[in-house]
Amino acid sequence: MQAIILAGGKGTRLKPYTITIPKPLVPIDEHPILEIVIKQLKRNGFDRITLAVGHQSELIQAFFQKGEKYDVEIKYSLEEKPLGTAGPLKLIEDLDENFLVLNSDDLTDLNYRDLLDFHTNKNAMVSIGMFTRELQIDLGIIETDKNNTVQKYIEKPKHRFDVSMGIYAFNKNTVNYIPQNERFDFPDLIKSLLQHQKRVLAYHHKGFWLDIGRPEDYERANEEFGEIKTRILGE
């Protein structure tokens, strides 16, 4: 099975951790986050991995090489200029009929094979890994009528949203909707597919998921990794 990992971003939200090393090599415990993802993919049955790289690509290639250490085949696809989150897929050849696409900075106990099997069985164009995230507003919220009479005062409310995990299953025909050599992000792609009435599904994951793109989430990932390490890596 094939997986494409997007590892070309600059990780600007994660500064100062990414000043000297690319975000995929930022460590969780003693493991770079991308190493965790690759080991997890291998454990879930994926043996062909393409790293879509750009910023500081030479460091990433030097660390992972051709994948022998992980018993997988690793190839590299280099973008000469930033192409967004979906644009790099247009550069990759030899795509399977259905394959996985994921960010390099997601820490999750999702079984990647289950997502791909769901996608294939449902005959979807794209299946989006989805997670319910709870966000708290750290302010008192005031609701008024047209006369500025207070109707309701809500102290630090919590809201629940279903969000994209940055993990997708794709049919290779999806790439036909990505422009050549242009910046194009996943929201642009999904909107285009919906406009063309293509089948886009959501796969709801109820386990653990954390995007380590912000310093506070990165710190939380390091704090909680020990609790979920066995579920992710089997170690």
Protein backbone atom coordinates (compact mmCIF):
# COMPACT_ATOMS: atom_id res chain seq x y z
CA MET A 1 0.00 0.00 0.00
CA GLN A 2 1.10 3.52 -0.78
CA ALA A 3 1.23 6.67 1.35
CA ILE A 4 2.22 10.23 0.44
CA ILE A 5 3.53 12.33 3.33
CA LEU A 6 3.60 16.10 2.97
CA ALA A 7 6.90 17.20 4.51
CA GLY A 8 7.78 20.39 2.65
CA GLY A 9 6.45 23.14 4.90
CA LYS A 10 8.57 25.63 6.85
CA GLY A 11 6.80 25.08 10.17
CA THR A 12 6.57 28.79 10.92
CA ARG A 13 3.85 28.30 13.56
CA LEU A 14 6.17 26.03 15.53
CA LYS A 15 9.03 28.48 15.98
CA PRO A 16 11.44 28.56 17.79
CA TYR A 17 11.61 24.74 17.50
CA THR A 18 11.87 24.91 13.70
CA ILE A 19 14.53 27.60 13.42
CA THR A 20 17.35 25.09 12.88
CA ILE A 21 15.55 21.85 11.88
CA PRO A 22 12.56 21.14 9.63
CA LYS A 23 9.27 20.43 11.37
CA PRO A 24 9.19 16.71 10.37
CA LEU A 25 12.39 16.18 12.40
CA VAL A 26 11.14 17.89 15.56
CA PRO A 27 11.26 15.18 18.27
CA ILE A 28 8.43 13.64 20.23
CA ASP A 29 10.15 11.87 23.13
CA GLU A 30 13.28 10.53 21.39
CA HIS A 31 11.63 10.11 17.96
CA PRO A 32 11.27 12.72 15.19
CA ILE A 33 7.54 13.07 14.53
CA LEU A 34 7.97 11.89 10.93
CA GLU A 35 9.76 8.75 12.13
CA ILE A 36 6.75 7.96 14.33
CA VAL A 37 4.44 8.39 11.34
CA ILE A 38 6.57 6.14 9.11
CA LYS A 39 6.81 3.40 11.76
CA GLN A 40 3.07 3.59 12.26
CA LEU A 41 2.42 3.34 8.52
CA LYS A 42 4.66 0.26 8.33
CA ARG A 43 2.79 -1.31 11.24
CA ASN A 44 -0.48 -0.68 9.40
CA GLY A 45 0.74 -2.38 6.22
CA PHE A 46 2.08 0.52 4.13
CA ASP A 47 5.43 -0.29 2.49
CA ARG A 48 5.67 2.36 -0.26
CA ILE A 49 6.10 5.91 0.99
CA THR A 50 6.75 9.11 -0.93
CA LEU A 51 7.90 12.17 0.99
CA ALA A 52 6.84 15.40 -0.71
CA VAL A 53 9.67 17.68 0.38
CA GLY A 54 10.79 21.27 -0.14
CA HIS A 55 12.18 23.32 2.74
CA GLN A 56 15.41 21.80 4.14
CA SER A 57 14.78 18.67 2.09
CA GLU A 58 18.42 17.60 2.29
CA LEU A 59 18.15 17.10 6.07
CA ILE A 60 15.05 14.97 5.71
CA GLN A 61 16.60 12.84 2.96
CA ALA A 62 19.81 12.39 4.95
CA PHE A 63 17.86 11.13 7.96
CA PHE A 64 15.42 8.73 6.27
CA GLN A 65 17.45 7.83 3.16
CA LYS A 66 15.66 5.09 1.16
CA GLY A 67 13.76 3.61 4.10
CA GLU A 68 15.88 0.51 4.71
CA LYS A 69 15.95 1.20 8.44
CA TYR A 70 12.15 0.95 8.56
CA ASP A 71 11.74 -1.90 6.05
CA VAL A 72 9.83 0.35 3.66
CA GLU A 73 10.61 1.95 0.31
CA ILE A 74 10.96 5.73 0.60
CA LYS A 75 11.03 7.99 -2.44
CA TYR A 76 11.21 11.77 -2.57
CA SER A 77 9.28 14.30 -4.63
CA LEU A 78 10.84 17.78 -4.55
CA GLU A 79 8.78 20.91 -5.19
CA GLU A 80 10.87 23.72 -6.63
CA LYS A 81 8.46 26.35 -5.29
CA PRO A 82 5.72 26.17 -2.61
CA LEU A 83 2.68 24.42 -4.09
CA GLY A 84 0.39 24.36 -1.06
CA THR A 85 -0.97 21.19 0.50
CA ALA A 86 -2.57 19.59 -2.58
CA GLY A 87 -0.32 20.94 -5.35
CA PRO A 88 2.63 18.60 -4.61
CA LEU A 89 0.48 15.57 -5.49
CA LYS A 90 0.52 16.65 -9.14
CA LEU A 91 4.28 15.98 -9.25
CA ILE A 92 4.09 12.37 -8.09
CA GLU A 93 3.97 9.54 -10.63
CA ASP A 94 3.14 5.85 -10.25
CA LEU A 95 0.20 6.42 -7.92
CA ASP A 96 -1.84 3.45 -6.77
CA GLU A 97 -5.53 3.37 -7.62
CA ASN A 98 -6.17 4.40 -4.01
CA PHE A 99 -3.57 5.78 -1.64
CA LEU A 100 -3.13 7.67 1.62
CA VAL A 101 -2.13 11.34 1.93
CA LEU A 102 -1.14 12.80 5.30
CA ASN A 103 0.71 15.60 6.99
CA SER A 104 4.04 14.90 8.63
CA ASP A 105 3.09 16.47 11.97
CA ASP A 106 0.00 14.55 13.13
CA LEU A 107 0.22 12.42 16.25
CA THR A 108 -2.67 9.97 16.29
CA ASP A 109 -3.60 6.38 17.09
CA LEU A 110 -5.68 6.17 13.90
CA ASN A 111 -5.28 2.89 12.03
CA TYR A 112 -4.33 4.15 8.59
CA ARG A 113 -5.29 0.91 6.87
CA ASP A 114 -8.83 1.12 8.27
CA LEU A 115 -9.22 4.56 6.69
CA LEU A 116 -7.96 3.35 3.30
CA ASP A 117 -10.17 0.24 3.44
CA PHE A 118 -13.21 2.41 4.28
CA HIS A 119 -12.43 4.69 1.36
CA THR A 120 -11.92 1.84 -1.11
CA ASN A 121 -15.04 -0.05 -0.05
CA LYS A 122 -17.18 3.10 -0.32
CA ASN A 123 -15.79 3.88 -3.81
CA ALA A 124 -15.11 7.50 -2.82
CA MET A 125 -13.00 10.06 -4.62
CA VAL A 126 -11.65 11.37 -1.32
CA SER A 127 -12.21 10.28 2.29
CA ILE A 128 -11.25 12.80 4.95
CA GLY A 129 -10.06 11.74 8.39
CA MET A 130 -12.31 13.68 10.79
CA PHE A 131 -11.98 14.40 14.51
CA THR A 132 -14.29 16.18 16.94
CA ARG A 133 -12.35 19.02 18.57
CA GLU A 134 -13.59 20.96 21.59
CA LEU A 135 -12.53 24.59 21.83
CA GLN A 136 -13.09 26.83 24.81
CA ILE A 137 -13.55 30.58 24.46
CA ASP A 138 -11.65 32.16 27.35
CA LEU A 139 -13.96 35.17 27.53
CA GLY A 140 -17.48 35.91 28.69
CA ILE A 141 -19.84 35.97 25.70
CA ILE A 142 -22.67 38.54 25.71
CA GLU A 143 -25.82 38.26 23.59
CA THR A 144 -28.00 41.36 23.18
CA ASP A 145 -31.13 42.41 21.33
CA LYS A 146 -31.37 45.33 18.91
CA ASN A 147 -31.73 47.74 21.84
CA ASN A 148 -28.47 46.53 23.42
CA THR A 149 -30.39 44.89 26.24
CA VAL A 150 -28.41 41.92 27.51
CA GLN A 151 -30.31 38.72 26.84
CA LYS A 152 -27.69 36.19 27.80
CA TYR A 153 -24.24 36.07 29.39
CA ILE A 154 -22.20 32.92 28.84
CA GLU A 155 -18.97 32.52 30.76
CA LYS A 156 -16.19 30.84 28.78
CA PRO A 157 -18.37 28.63 26.56
CA LYS A 158 -17.14 25.45 24.91
CA HIS A 159 -17.84 24.64 21.28
CA ARG A 160 -17.45 21.34 19.45
CA PHE A 161 -16.38 21.16 15.81
CA ASP A 162 -15.72 18.30 13.41
CA VAL A 163 -12.35 19.12 11.88
CA SER A 164 -10.04 17.64 9.26
CA MET A 165 -7.18 15.63 10.71
CA GLY A 166 -4.93 16.35 7.74
CA ILE A 167 -5.17 12.66 6.81
CA TYR A 168 -6.91 11.61 3.59
CA ALA A 169 -7.53 8.63 1.36
CA PHE A 170 -7.46 9.49 -2.35
CA ASN A 171 -8.48 7.87 -5.59
CA LYS A 172 -5.80 8.68 -8.15
CA ASN A 173 -8.35 10.40 -10.43
CA THR A 174 -8.50 13.16 -7.81
CA VAL A 175 -5.18 14.44 -9.13
CA ASN A 176 -6.93 15.46 -12.37
CA TYR A 177 -8.59 18.27 -10.41
CA ILE A 178 -5.27 19.73 -9.24
CA PRO A 179 -3.73 22.41 -11.52
CA GLN A 180 -0.20 21.94 -12.81
CA ASN A 181 2.61 23.90 -11.16
CA GLU A 182 0.28 26.16 -9.14
CA ARG A 183 -0.27 26.64 -5.44
CA PHE A 184 -3.37 24.62 -4.53
CA ASP A 185 -4.55 23.63 -1.05
CA PHE A 186 -6.79 20.82 0.15
CA PRO A 187 -9.78 23.12 0.79
CA ASP A 188 -9.52 24.27 -2.84
CA LEU A 189 -9.45 20.66 -4.01
CA ILE A 190 -12.40 19.57 -1.88
CA LYS A 191 -14.48 22.54 -3.07
CA SER A 192 -13.66 21.68 -6.68
CA LEU A 193 -14.65 18.04 -6.19
CA LEU A 194 -17.93 19.01 -4.56
CA GLN A 195 -18.68 21.43 -7.39
CA HIS A 196 -18.19 18.54 -9.81
CA GLN A 197 -20.46 16.37 -7.63
CA LYS A 198 -17.76 13.85 -6.80
CA ARG A 199 -18.08 11.51 -3.83
CA VAL A 200 -16.29 12.96 -0.78
CA LEU A 201 -16.74 11.16 2.53
CA ALA A 202 -15.70 11.69 6.14
CA TYR A 203 -14.14 9.01 8.34
CA HIS A 204 -14.71 9.84 12.01
CA HIS A 205 -11.85 8.91 14.33
CA LYS A 206 -12.77 8.77 18.03
CA GLY A 207 -9.34 7.99 19.47
CA PHE A 208 -6.35 10.31 19.90
CA TRP A 209 -5.31 13.03 17.48
CA LEU A 210 -3.11 16.08 17.85
CA ASP A 211 -1.66 18.43 15.24
CA ILE A 212 1.70 19.55 16.67
CA GLY A 213 1.87 22.68 14.51
CA ARG A 214 1.67 25.08 17.49
CA PRO A 215 4.10 25.20 20.44
CA GLU A 216 1.38 24.47 23.00
CA ASP A 217 0.21 21.39 21.07
CA TYR A 218 3.81 20.23 20.59
CA GLU A 219 4.39 20.43 24.33
CA ARG A 220 1.17 18.54 24.99
CA ALA A 221 2.23 15.84 22.51
CA ASN A 222 5.46 15.29 24.42
CA GLU A 223 3.55 15.10 27.70
CA GLU A 224 1.01 12.55 26.44
CA PHE A 225 3.10 10.45 24.05
CA GLY A 226 4.04 7.92 26.74
CA GLU A 227 0.36 7.10 27.29
CA ILE A 228 -0.36 6.32 23.63
CA LYS A 229 3.04 5.04 22.44
CA THR A 230 2.03 1.39 22.60
CA ARG A 231 -1.16 2.01 20.62
CA ILE A 232 0.78 3.84 17.92
CA LEU A 233 4.01 1.87 17.63
CA GLY A 234 3.28 -1.37 19.46
CA GLU A 235 6.36 -0.82 21.62
